[in-house]
Each structure stands twice: as structure tokens, then as C-alpha cells.
Amino acid sequence: MFRTAIGRVKVSAFRPISIYVSAFLQQAEDILDVAVAGNSYGAGDVAILLDRQGGMRMLDPAGWSLPALSAEFGATAVYKVERRCGTVRVEGWGGGQRCLIQREFAQRGVAPFLPWQPTMNPLLQLGYL
């Protein structure tokens, strides 16, 4: 960024925006990228905790708030990945920062066969379920 003679701020078009993004938000974006790429039938919600030594812990987030997870496990940053109705959402909390980003994902191929749909599930028709 630089100031013009009039005092207006301009952003240079030659610099990538990523240099202005904090490490906290960059980690959330990286987690979102992985969650969208690895989205599959049956993938559940997960909490990812990062500690001061660089360690990572993955837990079931059911019944926990992000600040409570951070306090209980001494995490410097906590991210929660949720999958709902064709979207993947990452919520982050830590170090006085908070973020919420989400992305829609494309459904690949045909929806999976569900056990409660006997007319569609070939394994049930063959007697395996």
C-alpha cells in the first residue's frame, strides 16, 4: 500500500493479497482446503487444536465451545470443521482472533446408497445387509 499526493490509499495490484493474511487465517483456509478436498460420505465434524509446541490434536467437537477446548487443552488455536447441506465450514478461535469461513463443495457422482432406502441399495437387495 502507498499514499498518493492527495492522501488516498491505494493497494498495489502487483502484490499478492496473501502477504496481508495472518497465519491464523491462513491455517483456517488450509484446513478448509483439505476438508473440501477430502469430503466424503460419512465424514463427520472435527475440532483441530494446535498447541504451543506445534502439536496438533483432533477431537470430536460435540458439546464443546471453541474457547472451552482451548482452555481445557491449552491450545493456542482451535478450529472446528462442520459439514452441512453441501457446505464445509471452518470456525477458528485463538489468540484474540476469530474467523468463520465456508465453501460449497460439488457433489461427486451419484449420492451414496443409504440402508433405509431398500429399493436403491443393491447390498440389501442381495441380502448382505
C-alpha atoms as a PDB file:
ATOM      1  CA  MET A   1       0.000   0.000   0.000  1.00  0.00           C
ATOM      2  CA  PHE A   2       1.098   3.539  -0.579  1.00  0.00           C
ATOM      3  CA  ARG A   3      -0.335   7.015  -0.204  1.00  0.00           C
ATOM      4  CA  THR A   4      -0.877   9.310  -3.144  1.00  0.00           C
ATOM      5  CA  ALA A   5      -0.279  13.058  -3.009  1.00  0.00           C
ATOM      6  CA  ILE A   6      -3.989  13.559  -2.281  1.00  0.00           C
ATOM      7  CA  GLY A   7      -3.816  11.194   0.705  1.00  0.00           C
ATOM      8  CA  ARG A   8      -5.824   8.305  -0.676  1.00  0.00           C
ATOM      9  CA  VAL A   9      -4.591   4.810  -0.016  1.00  0.00           C
ATOM     10  CA  LYS A  10      -4.033   2.529  -2.986  1.00  0.00           C
ATOM     11  CA  VAL A  11      -3.248  -1.155  -2.981  1.00  0.00           C
ATOM     12  CA  SER A  12      -0.665  -2.277  -5.476  1.00  0.00           C
ATOM     13  CA  ALA A  13      -2.071  -4.757  -7.992  1.00  0.00           C
ATOM     14  CA  PHE A  14       1.301  -6.492  -8.216  1.00  0.00           C
ATOM     15  CA  ARG A  15       1.384  -7.829  -4.664  1.00  0.00           C
ATOM     16  CA  PRO A  16      -0.475 -10.996  -3.689  1.00  0.00           C
ATOM     17  CA  ILE A  17      -3.164 -10.484  -1.055  1.00  0.00           C
ATOM     18  CA  SER A  18      -1.789 -13.441   0.920  1.00  0.00           C
ATOM     19  CA  ILE A  19       1.013 -11.352   2.438  1.00  0.00           C
ATOM     20  CA  TYR A  20      -1.672  -9.416   4.311  1.00  0.00           C
ATOM     21  CA  VAL A  21      -3.360 -12.517   5.714  1.00  0.00           C
ATOM     22  CA  SER A  22      -2.458 -13.579   9.246  1.00  0.00           C
ATOM     23  CA  ALA A  23      -1.071 -17.043   9.968  1.00  0.00           C
ATOM     24  CA  PHE A  24      -4.244 -17.765  11.941  1.00  0.00           C
ATOM     25  CA  LEU A  25      -6.496 -17.114   8.947  1.00  0.00           C
ATOM     26  CA  GLN A  26      -4.088 -18.884   6.589  1.00  0.00           C
ATOM     27  CA  GLN A  27      -4.314 -22.013   8.769  1.00  0.00           C
ATOM     28  CA  ALA A  28      -8.120 -21.827   8.639  1.00  0.00           C
ATOM     29  CA  GLU A  29      -8.005 -21.561   4.840  1.00  0.00           C
ATOM     30  CA  ASP A  30      -5.609 -24.518   4.630  1.00  0.00           C
ATOM     31  CA  ILE A  31      -7.910 -26.599   6.848  1.00  0.00           C
ATOM     32  CA  LEU A  32     -10.878 -25.629   4.660  1.00  0.00           C
ATOM     33  CA  ASP A  33      -8.998 -26.659   1.507  1.00  0.00           C
ATOM     34  CA  VAL A  34      -8.197 -30.076   2.980  1.00  0.00           C
ATOM     35  CA  ALA A  35     -11.726 -30.550   4.335  1.00  0.00           C
ATOM     36  CA  VAL A  36     -13.309 -29.765   0.966  1.00  0.00           C
ATOM     37  CA  ALA A  37     -10.858 -31.948  -0.965  1.00  0.00           C
ATOM     38  CA  GLY A  38     -11.299 -34.849   1.451  1.00  0.00           C
ATOM     39  CA  ASN A  39     -15.048 -34.538   1.810  1.00  0.00           C
ATOM     40  CA  SER A  40     -16.673 -37.934   1.581  1.00  0.00           C
ATOM     41  CA  TYR A  41     -19.829 -39.657   2.687  1.00  0.00           C
ATOM     42  CA  GLY A  42     -19.715 -40.226   6.414  1.00  0.00           C
ATOM     43  CA  ALA A  43     -17.077 -37.579   7.152  1.00  0.00           C
ATOM     44  CA  GLY A  44     -18.053 -36.011  10.462  1.00  0.00           C
ATOM     45  CA  ASP A  45     -17.344 -32.812  12.298  1.00  0.00           C
ATOM     46  CA  VAL A  46     -13.922 -32.434  13.868  1.00  0.00           C
ATOM     47  CA  ALA A  47     -12.108 -29.986  16.152  1.00  0.00           C
ATOM     48  CA  ILE A  48      -8.418 -29.327  15.477  1.00  0.00           C
ATOM     49  CA  LEU A  49      -6.339 -27.983  18.367  1.00  0.00           C
ATOM     50  CA  LEU A  50      -2.865 -26.503  17.921  1.00  0.00           C
ATOM     51  CA  ASP A  51      -0.655 -26.202  20.998  1.00  0.00           C
ATOM     52  CA  ARG A  52       2.326 -24.001  21.857  1.00  0.00           C
ATOM     53  CA  GLN A  53       4.862 -26.660  20.891  1.00  0.00           C
ATOM     54  CA  GLY A  54       3.388 -27.064  17.405  1.00  0.00           C
ATOM     55  CA  GLY A  55       1.472 -30.240  18.222  1.00  0.00           C
ATOM     56  CA  MET A  56      -1.927 -30.953  16.766  1.00  0.00           C
ATOM     57  CA  ARG A  57      -4.840 -32.842  18.298  1.00  0.00           C
ATOM     58  CA  MET A  58      -8.093 -33.813  16.571  1.00  0.00           C
ATOM     59  CA  LEU A  59     -11.237 -34.353  18.649  1.00  0.00           C
ATOM     60  CA  ASP A  60     -14.981 -34.740  18.345  1.00  0.00           C
ATOM     61  CA  PRO A  61     -16.322 -31.199  18.969  1.00  0.00           C
ATOM     62  CA  ALA A  62     -19.748 -32.305  20.213  1.00  0.00           C
ATOM     63  CA  GLY A  63     -20.662 -30.433  23.391  1.00  0.00           C
ATOM     64  CA  TRP A  64     -17.607 -28.133  23.318  1.00  0.00           C
ATOM     65  CA  SER A  65     -17.258 -24.450  22.534  1.00  0.00           C
ATOM     66  CA  LEU A  66     -14.018 -23.300  20.935  1.00  0.00           C
ATOM     67  CA  PRO A  67     -12.900 -21.245  23.964  1.00  0.00           C
ATOM     68  CA  ALA A  68     -13.612 -24.206  26.267  1.00  0.00           C
ATOM     69  CA  LEU A  69     -11.497 -26.536  24.095  1.00  0.00           C
ATOM     70  CA  SER A  70      -8.662 -24.011  24.132  1.00  0.00           C
ATOM     71  CA  ALA A  71      -8.819 -23.645  27.919  1.00  0.00           C
ATOM     72  CA  GLU A  72      -9.130 -27.383  28.614  1.00  0.00           C
ATOM     73  CA  PHE A  73      -6.257 -28.493  26.384  1.00  0.00           C
ATOM     74  CA  GLY A  74      -4.049 -25.390  26.485  1.00  0.00           C
ATOM     75  CA  ALA A  75      -4.366 -24.792  22.749  1.00  0.00           C
ATOM     76  CA  THR A  76      -3.159 -21.597  21.122  1.00  0.00           C
ATOM     77  CA  ALA A  77      -5.650 -22.012  18.268  1.00  0.00           C
ATOM     78  CA  VAL A  78      -8.752 -24.153  17.814  1.00  0.00           C
ATOM     79  CA  TYR A  79     -10.561 -24.835  14.540  1.00  0.00           C
ATOM     80  CA  LYS A  80     -13.872 -26.622  14.124  1.00  0.00           C
ATOM     81  CA  VAL A  81     -14.789 -28.226  10.790  1.00  0.00           C
ATOM     82  CA  GLU A  82     -18.518 -28.726  10.153  1.00  0.00           C
ATOM     83  CA  ARG A  83     -20.184 -30.273   7.128  1.00  0.00           C
ATOM     84  CA  ARG A  84     -23.805 -29.270   6.463  1.00  0.00           C
ATOM     85  CA  CYS A  85     -26.052 -29.342   3.385  1.00  0.00           C
ATOM     86  CA  GLY A  86     -23.366 -29.208   0.711  1.00  0.00           C
ATOM     87  CA  THR A  87     -21.074 -26.773   2.535  1.00  0.00           C
ATOM     88  CA  VAL A  88     -17.957 -27.151   4.628  1.00  0.00           C
ATOM     89  CA  ARG A  89     -17.449 -24.546   7.345  1.00  0.00           C
ATOM     90  CA  VAL A  90     -14.328 -23.822   9.387  1.00  0.00           C
ATOM     91  CA  GLU A  91     -14.622 -21.737  12.535  1.00  0.00           C
ATOM     92  CA  GLY A  92     -11.416 -20.653  14.243  1.00  0.00           C
ATOM     93  CA  TRP A  93     -10.658 -19.172  17.642  1.00  0.00           C
ATOM     94  CA  GLY A  94      -7.409 -18.265  19.366  1.00  0.00           C
ATOM     95  CA  GLY A  95      -5.027 -15.523  20.355  1.00  0.00           C
ATOM     96  CA  GLY A  96      -7.769 -12.903  20.450  1.00  0.00           C
ATOM     97  CA  GLN A  97      -8.763 -13.700  16.866  1.00  0.00           C
ATOM     98  CA  ARG A  98     -11.854 -15.371  15.479  1.00  0.00           C
ATOM     99  CA  CYS A  99     -12.833 -16.371  11.955  1.00  0.00           C
ATOM    100  CA  LEU A 100     -15.586 -18.204  10.123  1.00  0.00           C
ATOM    101  CA  ILE A 101     -15.136 -19.292   6.507  1.00  0.00           C
ATOM    102  CA  GLN A 102     -17.144 -21.709   4.429  1.00  0.00           C
ATOM    103  CA  ARG A 103     -17.236 -23.140   0.942  1.00  0.00           C
ATOM    104  CA  GLU A 104     -19.720 -25.136  -1.046  1.00  0.00           C
ATOM    105  CA  PHE A 105     -18.482 -28.405  -2.445  1.00  0.00           C
ATOM    106  CA  ALA A 106     -19.616 -30.133  -5.595  1.00  0.00           C
ATOM    107  CA  GLN A 107     -21.330 -33.447  -5.093  1.00  0.00           C
ATOM    108  CA  ARG A 108     -19.342 -36.055  -6.970  1.00  0.00           C
ATOM    109  CA  GLY A 109     -21.263 -38.663  -8.895  1.00  0.00           C
ATOM    110  CA  VAL A 110     -24.401 -40.257  -7.502  1.00  0.00           C
ATOM    111  CA  ALA A 111     -25.373 -39.933  -3.865  1.00  0.00           C
ATOM    112  CA  PRO A 112     -24.371 -42.966  -1.765  1.00  0.00           C
ATOM    113  CA  PHE A 113     -26.837 -45.769  -1.154  1.00  0.00           C
ATOM    114  CA  LEU A 114     -28.422 -45.486   2.255  1.00  0.00           C
ATOM    115  CA  PRO A 115     -29.510 -48.540   4.260  1.00  0.00           C
ATOM    116  CA  TRP A 116     -33.027 -47.169   4.839  1.00  0.00           C
ATOM    117  CA  GLN A 117     -33.656 -46.957   1.077  1.00  0.00           C
ATOM    118  CA  PRO A 118     -34.068 -50.658   0.204  1.00  0.00           C
ATOM    119  CA  THR A 119     -35.100 -50.057  -3.391  1.00  0.00           C
ATOM    120  CA  MET A 120     -31.831 -48.243  -4.073  1.00  0.00           C
ATOM    121  CA  ASN A 121     -29.382 -50.264  -2.032  1.00  0.00           C
ATOM    122  CA  PRO A 122     -28.071 -53.244  -4.047  1.00  0.00           C
ATOM    123  CA  LEU A 123     -26.401 -54.786  -0.983  1.00  0.00           C
ATOM    124  CA  LEU A 124     -29.781 -55.001   0.753  1.00  0.00           C
ATOM    125  CA  GLN A 125     -31.387 -56.482  -2.320  1.00  0.00           C
ATOM    126  CA  LEU A 126     -28.671 -59.156  -2.429  1.00  0.00           C
ATOM    127  CA  GLY A 127     -29.178 -59.958   1.251  1.00  0.00           C
ATOM    128  CA  TYR A 128     -25.864 -58.594   2.560  1.00  0.00           C
ATOM    129  CA  LEU A 129     -27.469 -56.004   4.858  1.00  0.00           C
END
